[in-house]
Protein backbone atom coordinates (compact mmCIF):
# COMPACT_ATOMS: atom_id res chain seq x y z
CA MET A 1 6.52 43.94 13.58
CA LYS A 2 5.77 45.51 16.75
CA ASP A 3 2.85 43.38 17.75
CA VAL A 4 4.79 40.21 16.94
CA LYS A 5 6.99 37.96 19.25
CA LEU A 6 9.04 34.84 18.55
CA ILE A 7 9.65 32.13 21.22
CA ALA A 8 12.19 29.11 20.87
CA GLY A 9 11.74 25.60 21.74
CA THR A 10 14.92 23.95 22.94
CA ALA A 11 15.35 21.95 19.74
CA SER A 12 15.53 25.08 17.41
CA ARG A 13 17.12 27.54 19.73
CA GLN A 14 20.00 28.57 17.49
CA LEU A 15 17.56 28.75 14.25
CA ALA A 16 15.28 30.76 16.17
CA GLU A 17 17.92 33.34 17.25
CA GLU A 18 19.03 33.38 13.72
CA VAL A 19 15.27 34.31 12.80
CA ALA A 20 15.31 36.78 15.59
CA ASN A 21 18.25 38.87 14.10
CA HIS A 22 16.93 38.98 10.76
CA LEU A 23 13.57 40.59 12.00
CA GLY A 24 15.35 42.65 14.58
CA LEU A 25 13.38 41.11 17.48
CA LYS A 26 14.63 39.50 20.62
CA LEU A 27 13.22 35.99 21.56
CA VAL A 28 10.77 35.86 24.49
CA ASP A 29 12.14 35.38 27.63
CA ALA A 30 11.29 31.84 28.97
CA ASP A 31 12.71 29.09 30.82
CA ILE A 32 12.51 25.68 29.52
CA GLY A 33 13.59 22.87 31.31
CA ARG A 34 12.80 19.59 32.75
CA PHE A 35 11.88 18.60 36.41
CA PRO A 36 13.86 16.04 38.33
CA ASN A 37 11.31 13.38 37.15
CA GLY A 38 11.62 14.32 33.50
CA GLU A 39 8.61 16.24 32.97
CA VAL A 40 8.86 19.63 30.97
CA ARG A 41 8.93 22.84 32.88
CA VAL A 42 7.96 26.29 31.22
CA GLN A 43 8.00 29.55 32.73
CA ILE A 44 7.41 32.88 30.31
CA ASN A 45 9.33 35.63 31.89
CA GLU A 46 7.47 38.45 30.08
CA SER A 47 3.97 39.44 28.72
CA VAL A 48 2.73 37.82 25.53
CA ARG A 49 -1.01 39.18 26.04
CA LYS A 50 -2.52 39.67 22.43
CA PHE A 51 0.50 39.28 20.64
CA ASP A 52 1.09 37.58 17.62
CA ILE A 53 3.51 34.60 18.54
CA PHE A 54 5.66 32.52 16.38
CA VAL A 55 6.80 29.49 18.15
CA ILE A 56 10.05 27.99 16.30
CA GLN A 57 10.39 24.30 17.44
CA SER A 58 11.40 21.22 15.24
CA THR A 59 10.17 17.91 16.47
CA CYS A 60 13.29 16.10 15.81
CA PRO A 61 14.94 13.26 18.00
CA PRO A 62 14.19 13.03 20.66
CA VAL A 63 10.86 13.46 18.87
CA ASN A 64 8.44 12.61 22.11
CA ASP A 65 10.46 15.06 24.30
CA ASN A 66 10.58 17.77 21.55
CA LEU A 67 6.75 17.19 20.62
CA MET A 68 5.57 17.41 24.47
CA GLU A 69 7.52 20.60 24.96
CA LEU A 70 6.13 22.24 22.36
CA LEU A 71 2.48 21.39 23.48
CA ILE A 72 3.32 22.42 26.77
CA LEU A 73 5.13 25.73 25.51
CA ILE A 74 1.88 26.35 23.77
CA ASP A 75 -0.44 25.63 26.60
CA ALA A 76 1.57 28.30 28.72
CA LEU A 77 1.21 30.72 26.13
CA GLN A 78 -2.60 30.27 25.65
CA ARG A 79 -2.70 30.62 29.37
CA ALA A 80 -0.92 33.79 29.25
CA SER A 81 -3.51 35.07 26.66
CA ALA A 82 -1.30 35.08 23.84
CA GLY A 83 -3.14 36.12 20.65
CA PHE A 84 -2.42 34.24 17.60
CA ILE A 85 -0.09 31.41 17.84
CA THR A 86 1.89 30.31 14.50
CA VAL A 87 3.90 27.17 14.91
CA VAL A 88 7.20 27.26 13.01
CA MET A 89 7.80 23.34 12.90
CA PRO A 90 11.12 23.21 10.58
CA TYR A 91 10.93 19.61 10.76
CA PHE A 92 7.79 18.00 11.24
CA GLY A 93 8.16 14.74 13.33
CA TYR A 94 6.11 11.49 12.49
CA SER A 95 5.54 12.47 8.90
CA LYS A 96 6.76 9.30 7.69
CA GLN A 97 3.39 7.52 9.19
CA ASP A 98 0.86 9.30 7.33
CA LYS A 99 -0.94 6.16 6.12
CA LYS A 100 -1.62 2.39 7.00
CA LYS A 101 0.53 0.02 5.55
CA SER A 102 -1.09 -2.86 7.12
CA GLY A 103 -3.80 -3.49 9.43
CA ARG A 104 -4.01 -2.29 12.89
CA GLU A 105 -1.43 0.72 12.46
CA PRO A 106 -1.95 4.13 13.63
CA ILE A 107 -1.71 7.17 11.43
CA SER A 108 0.48 9.11 13.53
CA SER A 109 1.13 12.30 11.76
CA LYS A 110 -2.49 12.74 11.69
CA LEU A 111 -2.67 12.32 15.43
CA VAL A 112 -0.02 15.21 15.70
CA ALA A 113 -1.90 17.63 13.58
CA SER A 114 -4.67 16.78 16.08
CA MET A 115 -2.93 17.55 19.20
CA LEU A 116 -1.53 20.67 17.54
CA GLU A 117 -5.16 21.96 16.76
CA MET A 118 -6.25 20.75 20.01
CA VAL A 119 -4.05 23.36 21.86
CA LYS A 120 -5.44 25.85 19.67
CA VAL A 121 -2.62 26.57 17.36
CA GLY A 122 -3.95 28.88 14.46
CA ARG A 123 -1.40 28.02 11.74
CA VAL A 124 1.64 25.67 11.12
CA VAL A 125 4.87 26.40 9.13
CA THR A 126 6.97 23.62 8.01
CA PHE A 127 9.66 22.43 5.50
CA ASP A 128 9.53 19.77 2.81
CA LEU A 129 6.66 17.56 4.26
CA HIS A 130 7.71 13.48 3.87
CA ALA A 131 4.10 13.58 2.23
CA PRO A 132 2.56 16.93 1.18
CA GLN A 133 -1.08 15.27 1.73
CA ILE A 134 -0.26 15.73 5.36
CA GLU A 135 -1.76 19.31 5.01
CA GLY A 136 -5.10 17.83 4.53
CA PHE A 137 -4.80 16.36 8.34
CA PHE A 138 -5.08 19.97 9.47
CA ASP A 139 -8.31 22.19 9.56
CA ILE A 140 -6.06 25.36 10.04
CA PRO A 141 -3.59 26.67 7.47
CA VAL A 142 -0.21 24.94 6.71
CA GLU A 143 2.36 26.63 4.85
CA ASN A 144 4.77 23.65 3.52
CA LEU A 145 7.95 25.56 2.48
CA THR A 146 10.48 24.03 0.38
CA SER A 147 14.26 24.09 0.40
CA VAL A 148 14.51 23.18 -3.26
CA ASN A 149 14.91 26.86 -4.50
CA MET A 150 17.67 27.29 -2.00
CA ILE A 151 19.51 24.07 -2.74
CA ALA A 152 19.19 25.04 -6.59
CA ALA A 153 21.08 28.11 -5.99
CA TYR A 154 23.94 26.42 -4.02
CA PHE A 155 24.30 23.98 -6.75
CA LYS A 156 24.05 26.58 -9.82
CA SER A 157 26.96 28.29 -8.05
CA LYS A 158 28.94 25.34 -8.88
CA ASN A 159 28.33 25.52 -12.46
CA LEU A 160 28.06 21.82 -12.93
CA GLN A 161 27.53 20.70 -16.37
CA ASN A 162 25.50 17.54 -17.51
CA THR A 163 23.78 16.90 -14.27
CA VAL A 164 21.13 14.43 -13.16
CA VAL A 165 19.01 14.48 -10.17
CA VAL A 166 18.25 11.30 -8.54
CA ALA A 167 15.12 10.33 -6.83
CA PRO A 168 16.02 7.55 -4.14
CA ASP A 169 12.74 5.77 -4.59
CA ALA A 170 9.49 6.40 -6.64
CA GLY A 171 8.15 8.63 -4.09
CA GLY A 172 10.51 11.07 -4.47
CA VAL A 173 10.22 11.77 -8.41
CA LYS A 174 8.31 15.09 -7.70
CA ARG A 175 10.91 16.38 -5.40
CA ALA A 176 13.80 15.70 -8.04
CA ARG A 177 12.00 16.97 -10.82
CA ASP A 178 11.31 20.36 -9.23
CA LEU A 179 15.10 20.71 -8.11
CA ALA A 180 15.90 19.45 -11.80
CA ASN A 181 13.58 22.34 -13.02
CA ALA A 182 14.81 24.78 -10.53
CA MET A 183 18.35 24.13 -11.68
CA GLN A 184 17.11 24.13 -15.26
CA ALA A 185 18.70 20.37 -15.55
CA ASN A 186 16.11 18.69 -17.47
CA ALA A 187 17.64 14.82 -16.57
CA ILE A 188 16.33 12.84 -13.49
CA ALA A 189 16.88 9.21 -12.59
CA ILE A 190 15.03 7.11 -10.29
CA ILE A 191 16.32 4.13 -8.07
CA ASP A 192 14.12 1.33 -7.67
CA LYS A 193 13.98 0.57 -3.96
CA TYR A 194 12.81 -2.67 -2.10
CA ARG A 195 12.01 -2.18 1.48
CA GLU A 196 12.44 -5.66 3.39
CA ASP A 197 11.14 -3.80 6.72
CA PHE A 198 10.91 -0.57 8.03
CA SER A 199 14.76 -0.30 8.95
CA ARG A 200 16.20 -1.23 5.85
CA ALA A 201 16.03 -0.71 1.91
CA THR A 202 17.84 -2.47 -0.93
CA ALA A 203 18.50 -0.58 -4.13
CA MET A 204 17.67 -2.92 -6.94
CA ASN A 205 18.15 -0.74 -10.20
CA VAL A 206 18.52 2.77 -11.62
CA VAL A 207 15.68 3.95 -14.02
CA GLY A 208 17.26 6.75 -16.17
CA ARG A 209 20.82 7.63 -17.42
CA VAL A 210 23.65 8.62 -14.86
CA ASP A 211 26.68 7.32 -16.46
CA GLY A 212 29.06 10.04 -16.95
CA ARG A 213 26.65 12.57 -15.29
CA ASN A 214 27.21 14.81 -12.22
CA ALA A 215 24.53 12.89 -10.14
CA ILE A 216 22.74 14.71 -7.05
CA ILE A 217 20.65 12.33 -5.00
CA PHE A 218 18.03 14.07 -3.08
CA ASP A 219 15.77 12.83 -0.35
CA ASP A 220 13.65 14.87 2.29
CA PHE A 221 15.59 13.46 5.19
CA ILE A 222 18.37 11.08 6.21
CA ASP A 223 17.57 8.75 9.02
CA THR A 224 20.12 5.80 9.86
CA GLY A 225 21.57 6.34 6.36
CA SER A 226 21.38 2.85 5.14
CA SER A 227 19.13 3.60 2.32
CA MET A 228 21.35 6.34 1.25
CA VAL A 229 24.20 3.97 1.19
CA GLU A 230 22.25 1.67 -1.22
CA ALA A 231 21.47 4.54 -3.56
CA VAL A 232 25.00 6.10 -3.68
CA LYS A 233 26.31 2.27 -4.26
CA ALA A 234 23.76 1.87 -7.18
CA VAL A 235 24.48 5.52 -8.91
CA LYS A 236 28.01 4.66 -8.84
CA ASN A 237 27.83 1.29 -10.16
CA HIS A 238 25.91 2.97 -13.12
CA LYS A 239 29.15 4.99 -13.53
CA ALA A 240 28.07 8.16 -12.30
CA LYS A 241 30.90 10.97 -12.92
CA LYS A 242 30.53 12.60 -9.58
CA ILE A 243 28.01 12.36 -6.72
CA TRP A 244 26.44 14.51 -4.41
CA VAL A 245 23.87 13.56 -1.49
CA VAL A 246 21.22 15.91 -0.12
CA ALA A 247 18.62 16.12 1.95
CA THR A 248 16.50 18.71 3.35
CA HIS A 249 16.46 17.30 7.36
CA ALA A 250 19.49 15.65 8.62
CA LEU A 251 18.14 13.41 11.41
CA LEU A 252 21.45 11.27 11.38
CA THR A 253 20.20 8.69 13.61
CA GLU A 254 22.97 6.42 14.74
CA PRO A 255 24.87 4.70 12.87
CA ALA A 256 24.13 7.32 10.13
CA THR A 257 27.60 9.20 10.61
CA GLU A 258 29.41 6.46 10.33
CA ASN A 259 27.51 5.23 7.29
CA LEU A 260 27.87 8.52 5.18
CA LYS A 261 31.68 8.84 6.19
CA ALA A 262 32.16 5.31 4.74
CA LEU A 263 30.78 6.97 1.29
CA LYS A 264 34.41 8.15 -0.11
CA GLU A 265 32.84 8.50 -3.52
CA VAL A 266 30.26 11.18 -2.45
CA GLU A 267 31.80 14.73 -3.20
CA GLU A 268 29.67 16.48 -0.37
CA PHE A 269 26.56 16.03 1.83
CA VAL A 270 24.23 18.91 1.63
CA PHE A 271 21.73 19.44 4.39
CA THR A 272 19.59 22.31 5.76
CA ASP A 273 19.77 23.57 9.25
CA THR A 274 15.82 22.53 10.02
CA ILE A 275 17.53 20.10 12.60
CA GLN A 276 20.54 21.25 14.43
CA ILE A 277 23.34 18.96 13.63
CA PRO A 278 25.54 18.17 16.82
CA LYS A 279 29.17 18.71 16.70
CA GLU A 280 29.83 15.10 16.95
CA LYS A 281 27.90 14.16 13.93
CA MET A 282 29.50 16.65 11.81
CA PHE A 283 32.43 15.88 9.49
CA ALA A 284 34.43 17.37 6.80
CA LYS A 285 32.15 16.72 3.58
CA VAL A 286 28.94 18.41 5.37
CA LYS A 287 27.56 21.49 4.06
CA VAL A 288 24.63 23.26 5.95
CA LEU A 289 22.31 25.60 4.14
CA GLY A 290 20.80 28.29 6.28
CA THR A 291 16.80 28.55 6.49
CA SER A 292 16.57 31.57 8.88
CA GLU A 293 16.12 34.10 6.03
CA ILE A 294 13.41 32.15 4.44
CA ILE A 295 11.71 31.86 7.64
CA SER A 296 12.09 35.36 8.57
CA ASN A 297 10.70 36.60 5.29
CA VAL A 298 7.57 34.01 5.51
CA ILE A 299 7.16 35.58 9.23
CA GLU A 300 7.14 39.20 7.79
CA ARG A 301 4.53 38.32 5.14
CA LEU A 302 2.69 36.34 7.67
CA ALA A 303 2.43 39.10 9.92
CA GLY A 304 1.64 41.82 7.61
CA GLY A 305 -0.91 40.16 5.67
CA ILE A 306 0.89 39.77 2.68
CA SER A 307 0.66 36.62 0.44
CA LEU A 308 3.26 34.10 0.08
CA HIS A 309 2.54 34.04 -3.70
CA PRO A 310 4.25 34.42 -6.21
CA PHE A 311 6.95 34.85 -3.46
CA ARG A 312 8.82 31.65 -3.43
CA PRO A 313 11.02 31.00 -0.64
CA GLY A 314 14.71 30.23 -1.07
CA ASN A 315 15.13 31.99 -4.24
CA GLY A 316 16.44 35.22 -3.07
CA GLN A 317 12.99 36.92 -3.28
């Protein structure tokens, strides 16, 4: 790791410090802030010439600020003659906008991919893309890591019996099946969801048996929580025994915290730290699983030219 350096964006500073500790490295000394007019200010205070650089920054809310900061930070590294640059973006912003749902709409996730390539990023590492086909928007390598094995290990430690993994919509079926397989729980169910507009969805029915079973509702992210509220109600109405809510990315856009707190029937809300959850949005039932060990293992393998396969991030290997 002597030719490797890590640098943190402001959105993922805590996670980057944990990764650095795993790797026995120090984060690059850099000042990242804002000018009085709101523009991003970056000053790198040590040499990065010819080093392999791993930039750790989620493009979570405020998405535009964090994305612009990432691009400017990469530009500063390029102008400082850094070597190969890998962006570790635990949460990939704009991932919901992966296709045109109607006429005259952008495909914003493709635009983000183009912007990263424009500043000459060599590789992107991320977690649980909303749509795996986003990898195809890039002409550079993309490592789409999964939180499934880590989440499965957590629930296995609870020794739950008669468990069903619930996809909150049809698009999450593969994700639910992967978690069920990793937990060796063969049962999945699907919620038939109707979306009235981009901000609200209504759960219509549950396809599959949940009555008398421990239900784990698994999604890639929670935004305002309104869809999850409907999903929990649907599962509860179908007489699930106990309910857990799981998501890789805890966006928790207001009023998400209030929405989730109101779900008294939920045993626990399990998230990962791909997005740092502010203290004011934490509450008693929230459990956060750390991704730093997975990320550090991946960085070690990438830096050493070691294949990520059959390595399965998150299962203790």
